[in-house]
Amino acid sequence: MPSSRGYRWLWRLGKTALGLVAALVLLLAYATYAERQAEQRAQAFCRPLALGMDSTHLAEEAIGQGADQRQTRWFRQEQGDDQLYATFTGMSPFSRYICRITARQGRLVSAELTYLD
């Protein structure tokens, strides 16, 4: 028959294992939540955009709706179309929902929602 010291060791091991499982479950729940939120914010920003609308303030609007300030920027061309990548980040910095906007002479030409992992 094991001593009470053996039971205490087993009890501590069980509590530690339960704590690790609980932490993993919480991490997975948060990851799911963060991914869903990023996707919903990207869709809420990208879907209502209409072709031909003024595109001058779209970067500021995207940031105001939760887009990553460091990754959301215009790439302007001297000739041709300008590109805006409005980036909504999920759980990790590598999980990105992007509204890729093309504008010509200050007017929206296209808007497409993509996912980059």
N, C-alpha and C. Protein backbone atom coordinates (compact mmCIF):
# COMPACT_ATOMS: atom_id res chain seq x y z
N MET A 1 0.85 -1.17 0.00
CA MET A 1 0.00 0.00 0.00
C MET A 1 0.90 1.24 0.00
N PRO A 2 0.65 2.18 -0.93
CA PRO A 2 1.49 3.38 -1.00
C PRO A 2 1.28 4.28 0.21
N SER A 3 2.33 5.00 0.52
CA SER A 3 2.26 5.91 1.67
C SER A 3 1.49 7.17 1.29
N SER A 4 1.16 7.97 2.29
CA SER A 4 0.45 9.22 2.03
C SER A 4 1.32 10.18 1.21
N ARG A 5 2.64 10.03 1.33
CA ARG A 5 3.54 10.85 0.54
C ARG A 5 3.38 10.53 -0.95
N GLY A 6 3.18 9.27 -1.28
CA GLY A 6 2.95 8.85 -2.66
C GLY A 6 1.64 9.41 -3.21
N TYR A 7 0.61 9.42 -2.36
CA TYR A 7 -0.67 9.98 -2.79
C TYR A 7 -0.55 11.49 -3.03
N ARG A 8 0.19 12.18 -2.16
CA ARG A 8 0.38 13.62 -2.35
C ARG A 8 1.10 13.91 -3.66
N TRP A 9 2.10 13.12 -3.97
CA TRP A 9 2.83 13.30 -5.22
C TRP A 9 1.91 13.08 -6.41
N LEU A 10 1.09 12.03 -6.34
CA LEU A 10 0.15 11.74 -7.41
C LEU A 10 -0.89 12.85 -7.53
N TRP A 11 -1.36 13.37 -6.41
CA TRP A 11 -2.33 14.45 -6.41
C TRP A 11 -1.74 15.71 -7.05
N ARG A 12 -0.50 16.05 -6.73
CA ARG A 12 0.17 17.21 -7.33
C ARG A 12 0.35 17.03 -8.83
N LEU A 13 0.73 15.84 -9.22
CA LEU A 13 0.89 15.55 -10.64
C LEU A 13 -0.43 15.71 -11.38
N GLY A 14 -1.50 15.22 -10.79
CA GLY A 14 -2.83 15.35 -11.40
C GLY A 14 -3.26 16.80 -11.52
N LYS A 15 -3.02 17.59 -10.49
CA LYS A 15 -3.38 19.01 -10.54
C LYS A 15 -2.57 19.74 -11.61
N THR A 16 -1.29 19.41 -11.71
CA THR A 16 -0.44 20.03 -12.72
C THR A 16 -0.93 19.68 -14.12
N ALA A 17 -1.24 18.41 -14.34
CA ALA A 17 -1.74 17.97 -15.65
C ALA A 17 -3.06 18.66 -15.97
N LEU A 18 -3.95 18.75 -15.01
CA LEU A 18 -5.23 19.42 -15.21
C LEU A 18 -5.03 20.90 -15.53
N GLY A 19 -4.10 21.54 -14.86
CA GLY A 19 -3.79 22.95 -15.14
C GLY A 19 -3.26 23.15 -16.55
N LEU A 20 -2.40 22.24 -17.00
CA LEU A 20 -1.87 22.34 -18.36
C LEU A 20 -2.96 22.13 -19.40
N VAL A 21 -3.84 21.17 -19.17
CA VAL A 21 -4.95 20.93 -20.09
C VAL A 21 -5.87 22.15 -20.13
N ALA A 22 -6.16 22.73 -18.97
CA ALA A 22 -7.02 23.92 -18.92
C ALA A 22 -6.38 25.09 -19.68
N ALA A 23 -5.07 25.27 -19.51
CA ALA A 23 -4.36 26.34 -20.22
C ALA A 23 -4.42 26.12 -21.73
N LEU A 24 -4.27 24.89 -22.17
CA LEU A 24 -4.33 24.57 -23.59
C LEU A 24 -5.73 24.84 -24.15
N VAL A 25 -6.75 24.46 -23.40
CA VAL A 25 -8.13 24.70 -23.84
C VAL A 25 -8.39 26.20 -23.95
N LEU A 26 -7.92 26.98 -22.98
CA LEU A 26 -8.10 28.43 -23.03
C LEU A 26 -7.35 29.04 -24.22
N LEU A 27 -6.16 28.56 -24.49
CA LEU A 27 -5.39 29.05 -25.63
C LEU A 27 -6.10 28.76 -26.94
N LEU A 28 -6.62 27.56 -27.09
CA LEU A 28 -7.35 27.21 -28.31
C LEU A 28 -8.63 28.02 -28.45
N ALA A 29 -9.31 28.26 -27.34
CA ALA A 29 -10.53 29.07 -27.38
C ALA A 29 -10.21 30.50 -27.80
N TYR A 30 -9.13 31.06 -27.26
CA TYR A 30 -8.74 32.41 -27.64
C TYR A 30 -8.31 32.47 -29.11
N ALA A 31 -7.59 31.47 -29.58
CA ALA A 31 -7.15 31.44 -30.98
C ALA A 31 -8.36 31.43 -31.91
N THR A 32 -9.35 30.63 -31.59
CA THR A 32 -10.57 30.58 -32.40
C THR A 32 -11.27 31.93 -32.39
N TYR A 33 -11.37 32.54 -31.22
CA TYR A 33 -12.02 33.85 -31.09
C TYR A 33 -11.26 34.92 -31.89
N ALA A 34 -9.94 34.97 -31.75
CA ALA A 34 -9.13 35.98 -32.43
C ALA A 34 -9.21 35.83 -33.95
N GLU A 35 -9.18 34.61 -34.43
CA GLU A 35 -9.29 34.37 -35.87
C GLU A 35 -10.65 34.81 -36.40
N ARG A 36 -11.69 34.45 -35.68
CA ARG A 36 -13.05 34.80 -36.10
C ARG A 36 -13.24 36.32 -36.10
N GLN A 37 -12.72 36.99 -35.08
CA GLN A 37 -12.83 38.45 -35.00
C GLN A 37 -12.09 39.12 -36.16
N ALA A 38 -10.90 38.66 -36.47
CA ALA A 38 -10.12 39.25 -37.56
C ALA A 38 -10.85 39.07 -38.89
N GLU A 39 -11.39 37.89 -39.11
CA GLU A 39 -12.11 37.63 -40.35
C GLU A 39 -13.36 38.50 -40.45
N GLN A 40 -14.11 38.62 -39.37
CA GLN A 40 -15.33 39.42 -39.37
C GLN A 40 -15.02 40.90 -39.58
N ARG A 41 -13.97 41.40 -38.96
CA ARG A 41 -13.60 42.81 -39.15
C ARG A 41 -13.17 43.07 -40.59
N ALA A 42 -12.42 42.15 -41.17
CA ALA A 42 -11.99 42.31 -42.56
C ALA A 42 -13.19 42.30 -43.50
N GLN A 43 -14.13 41.40 -43.27
CA GLN A 43 -15.33 41.35 -44.11
C GLN A 43 -16.17 42.60 -43.94
N ALA A 44 -16.32 43.07 -42.70
CA ALA A 44 -17.12 44.27 -42.44
C ALA A 44 -16.52 45.50 -43.12
N PHE A 45 -15.21 45.53 -43.25
CA PHE A 45 -14.57 46.65 -43.93
C PHE A 45 -14.64 46.50 -45.44
N CYS A 46 -14.38 45.31 -45.95
CA CYS A 46 -14.19 45.10 -47.38
C CYS A 46 -15.50 44.98 -48.17
N ARG A 47 -16.48 44.33 -47.62
CA ARG A 47 -17.71 44.06 -48.37
C ARG A 47 -18.48 45.30 -48.81
N PRO A 48 -18.63 46.32 -47.97
CA PRO A 48 -19.45 47.47 -48.40
C PRO A 48 -18.76 48.40 -49.39
N LEU A 49 -17.50 48.18 -49.71
CA LEU A 49 -16.80 49.06 -50.63
C LEU A 49 -17.41 48.95 -52.02
N ALA A 50 -17.66 50.11 -52.63
CA ALA A 50 -18.30 50.14 -53.95
C ALA A 50 -17.32 50.67 -54.99
N LEU A 51 -17.35 50.07 -56.15
CA LEU A 51 -16.48 50.51 -57.24
C LEU A 51 -16.77 51.97 -57.57
N GLY A 52 -15.72 52.73 -57.81
CA GLY A 52 -15.87 54.13 -58.16
C GLY A 52 -15.90 55.09 -56.98
N MET A 53 -15.98 54.57 -55.77
CA MET A 53 -16.02 55.45 -54.60
C MET A 53 -14.66 56.09 -54.35
N ASP A 54 -14.66 57.19 -53.61
CA ASP A 54 -13.43 57.89 -53.26
C ASP A 54 -12.57 56.98 -52.37
N SER A 55 -11.31 56.86 -52.69
CA SER A 55 -10.43 55.93 -51.95
C SER A 55 -9.40 56.64 -51.08
N THR A 56 -9.48 57.95 -50.97
CA THR A 56 -8.41 58.68 -50.29
C THR A 56 -8.32 58.39 -48.80
N HIS A 57 -9.43 58.07 -48.13
CA HIS A 57 -9.40 57.87 -46.68
C HIS A 57 -9.58 56.40 -46.28
N LEU A 58 -9.42 55.49 -47.21
CA LEU A 58 -9.68 54.08 -46.89
C LEU A 58 -8.69 53.50 -45.89
N ALA A 59 -7.44 53.90 -45.94
CA ALA A 59 -6.45 53.37 -44.98
C ALA A 59 -6.82 53.79 -43.56
N GLU A 60 -7.20 55.03 -43.38
CA GLU A 60 -7.59 55.51 -42.05
C GLU A 60 -8.85 54.80 -41.56
N GLU A 61 -9.80 54.59 -42.47
CA GLU A 61 -11.03 53.88 -42.10
C GLU A 61 -10.72 52.44 -41.69
N ALA A 62 -9.84 51.79 -42.43
CA ALA A 62 -9.47 50.40 -42.10
C ALA A 62 -8.84 50.33 -40.71
N ILE A 63 -7.93 51.24 -40.42
CA ILE A 63 -7.28 51.26 -39.11
C ILE A 63 -8.31 51.54 -38.02
N GLY A 64 -9.24 52.43 -38.31
CA GLY A 64 -10.31 52.72 -37.36
C GLY A 64 -11.21 51.53 -37.08
N GLN A 65 -11.28 50.60 -38.02
CA GLN A 65 -12.11 49.40 -37.85
C GLN A 65 -11.31 48.20 -37.36
N GLY A 66 -10.05 48.43 -36.97
CA GLY A 66 -9.28 47.36 -36.35
C GLY A 66 -8.15 46.78 -37.18
N ALA A 67 -7.86 47.36 -38.34
CA ALA A 67 -6.74 46.86 -39.15
C ALA A 67 -5.42 47.19 -38.46
N ASP A 68 -4.42 46.38 -38.70
CA ASP A 68 -3.10 46.57 -38.12
C ASP A 68 -2.47 47.84 -38.70
N GLN A 69 -2.12 48.77 -37.84
CA GLN A 69 -1.60 50.06 -38.27
C GLN A 69 -0.26 49.93 -38.99
N ARG A 70 0.58 48.99 -38.57
CA ARG A 70 1.90 48.83 -39.20
C ARG A 70 1.81 48.17 -40.57
N GLN A 71 0.82 47.31 -40.77
CA GLN A 71 0.75 46.54 -42.01
C GLN A 71 -0.24 47.10 -43.02
N THR A 72 -1.03 48.09 -42.64
CA THR A 72 -2.02 48.67 -43.54
C THR A 72 -1.43 49.93 -44.15
N ARG A 73 -1.16 49.85 -45.45
CA ARG A 73 -0.55 51.01 -46.11
C ARG A 73 -0.80 50.97 -47.61
N TRP A 74 -0.70 52.15 -48.19
CA TRP A 74 -0.81 52.30 -49.63
C TRP A 74 0.55 52.03 -50.28
N PHE A 75 0.51 51.40 -51.42
CA PHE A 75 1.69 51.26 -52.28
C PHE A 75 1.35 52.03 -53.54
N ARG A 76 1.92 53.21 -53.65
CA ARG A 76 1.58 54.11 -54.75
C ARG A 76 2.55 53.91 -55.92
N GLN A 77 1.99 53.95 -57.10
CA GLN A 77 2.77 53.82 -58.33
C GLN A 77 2.76 55.17 -59.05
N GLU A 78 3.86 55.51 -59.70
CA GLU A 78 3.88 56.75 -60.47
C GLU A 78 2.90 56.67 -61.62
N GLN A 79 2.87 55.54 -62.26
CA GLN A 79 1.91 55.31 -63.34
C GLN A 79 1.19 54.01 -63.03
N GLY A 80 -0.10 54.00 -63.24
CA GLY A 80 -0.85 52.78 -62.99
C GLY A 80 -1.67 52.86 -61.72
N ASP A 81 -1.99 51.71 -61.19
CA ASP A 81 -2.90 51.61 -60.05
C ASP A 81 -2.15 51.66 -58.72
N ASP A 82 -2.82 52.22 -57.72
CA ASP A 82 -2.32 52.21 -56.35
C ASP A 82 -2.94 51.02 -55.63
N GLN A 83 -2.18 50.42 -54.70
CA GLN A 83 -2.66 49.25 -53.96
C GLN A 83 -2.68 49.56 -52.47
N LEU A 84 -3.78 49.20 -51.82
CA LEU A 84 -3.88 49.29 -50.37
C LEU A 84 -4.10 47.88 -49.84
N TYR A 85 -3.28 47.49 -48.89
CA TYR A 85 -3.45 46.21 -48.22
C TYR A 85 -3.90 46.50 -46.79
N ALA A 86 -5.21 46.42 -46.56
CA ALA A 86 -5.77 46.62 -45.22
C ALA A 86 -5.70 45.27 -44.51
N THR A 87 -4.84 45.16 -43.52
CA THR A 87 -4.50 43.88 -42.89
C THR A 87 -5.11 43.76 -41.50
N PHE A 88 -5.91 42.73 -41.32
CA PHE A 88 -6.53 42.43 -40.03
C PHE A 88 -5.88 41.15 -39.51
N THR A 89 -5.19 41.26 -38.38
CA THR A 89 -4.37 40.16 -37.86
C THR A 89 -5.17 39.28 -36.91
N GLY A 90 -4.99 37.96 -37.07
CA GLY A 90 -5.65 36.98 -36.21
C GLY A 90 -4.80 36.67 -34.99
N MET A 91 -4.77 35.39 -34.62
CA MET A 91 -4.08 34.95 -33.40
C MET A 91 -2.59 35.27 -33.44
N SER A 92 -1.95 34.92 -34.53
CA SER A 92 -0.51 35.18 -34.63
C SER A 92 -0.27 36.29 -35.65
N PRO A 93 0.89 36.90 -35.62
CA PRO A 93 1.19 37.94 -36.60
C PRO A 93 1.22 37.43 -38.04
N PHE A 94 1.29 36.12 -38.20
CA PHE A 94 1.35 35.54 -39.53
C PHE A 94 -0.02 35.17 -40.07
N SER A 95 -1.04 35.28 -39.26
CA SER A 95 -2.41 34.99 -39.67
C SER A 95 -3.07 36.31 -40.04
N ARG A 96 -3.23 36.56 -41.34
CA ARG A 96 -3.71 37.87 -41.78
C ARG A 96 -4.86 37.74 -42.76
N TYR A 97 -5.90 38.50 -42.47
CA TYR A 97 -7.02 38.66 -43.40
C TYR A 97 -6.80 40.02 -44.05
N ILE A 98 -6.72 40.04 -45.37
CA ILE A 98 -6.33 41.25 -46.08
C ILE A 98 -7.42 41.66 -47.06
N CYS A 99 -7.82 42.92 -46.97
CA CYS A 99 -8.68 43.51 -47.99
C CYS A 99 -7.74 44.23 -48.95
N ARG A 100 -7.57 43.64 -50.13
CA ARG A 100 -6.65 44.20 -51.12
C ARG A 100 -7.44 45.14 -52.03
N ILE A 101 -7.09 46.41 -51.97
CA ILE A 101 -7.83 47.45 -52.68
C ILE A 101 -6.95 48.01 -53.79
N THR A 102 -7.54 48.16 -54.96
CA THR A 102 -6.87 48.79 -56.08
C THR A 102 -7.60 50.09 -56.39
N ALA A 103 -6.84 51.17 -56.53
CA ALA A 103 -7.43 52.47 -56.84
C ALA A 103 -6.68 53.10 -58.00
N ARG A 104 -7.42 53.87 -58.76
CA ARG A 104 -6.82 54.60 -59.88
C ARG A 104 -7.35 56.03 -59.81
N GLN A 105 -6.45 56.98 -59.74
CA GLN A 105 -6.78 58.40 -59.67
C GLN A 105 -7.77 58.70 -58.55
N GLY A 106 -7.55 58.08 -57.38
CA GLY A 106 -8.37 58.36 -56.21
C GLY A 106 -9.72 57.68 -56.19
N ARG A 107 -9.97 56.77 -57.11
CA ARG A 107 -11.25 56.05 -57.17
C ARG A 107 -11.01 54.55 -57.06
N LEU A 108 -11.91 53.90 -56.35
CA LEU A 108 -11.80 52.45 -56.12
C LEU A 108 -12.07 51.69 -57.42
N VAL A 109 -11.13 50.82 -57.77
CA VAL A 109 -11.26 49.99 -58.97
C VAL A 109 -11.65 48.56 -58.58
N SER A 110 -11.07 48.04 -57.49
CA SER A 110 -11.43 46.70 -57.04
C SER A 110 -11.11 46.54 -55.55
N ALA A 111 -11.82 45.61 -54.93
CA ALA A 111 -11.58 45.25 -53.53
C ALA A 111 -11.79 43.75 -53.41
N GLU A 112 -10.79 43.08 -52.85
CA GLU A 112 -10.83 41.62 -52.75
C GLU A 112 -10.34 41.20 -51.38
N LEU A 113 -11.08 40.30 -50.75
CA LEU A 113 -10.71 39.78 -49.43
C LEU A 113 -9.89 38.51 -49.61
N THR A 114 -8.71 38.47 -49.01
CA THR A 114 -7.84 37.29 -49.09
C THR A 114 -7.35 36.92 -47.70
N TYR A 115 -6.85 35.71 -47.58
CA TYR A 115 -6.28 35.23 -46.32
C TYR A 115 -4.84 34.83 -46.57
N LEU A 116 -3.96 35.28 -45.71
CA LEU A 116 -2.54 34.97 -45.83
C LEU A 116 -2.07 34.36 -44.52
N ASP A 117 -1.51 33.17 -44.59
CA ASP A 117 -1.05 32.49 -43.38
C ASP A 117 0.43 32.23 -43.46
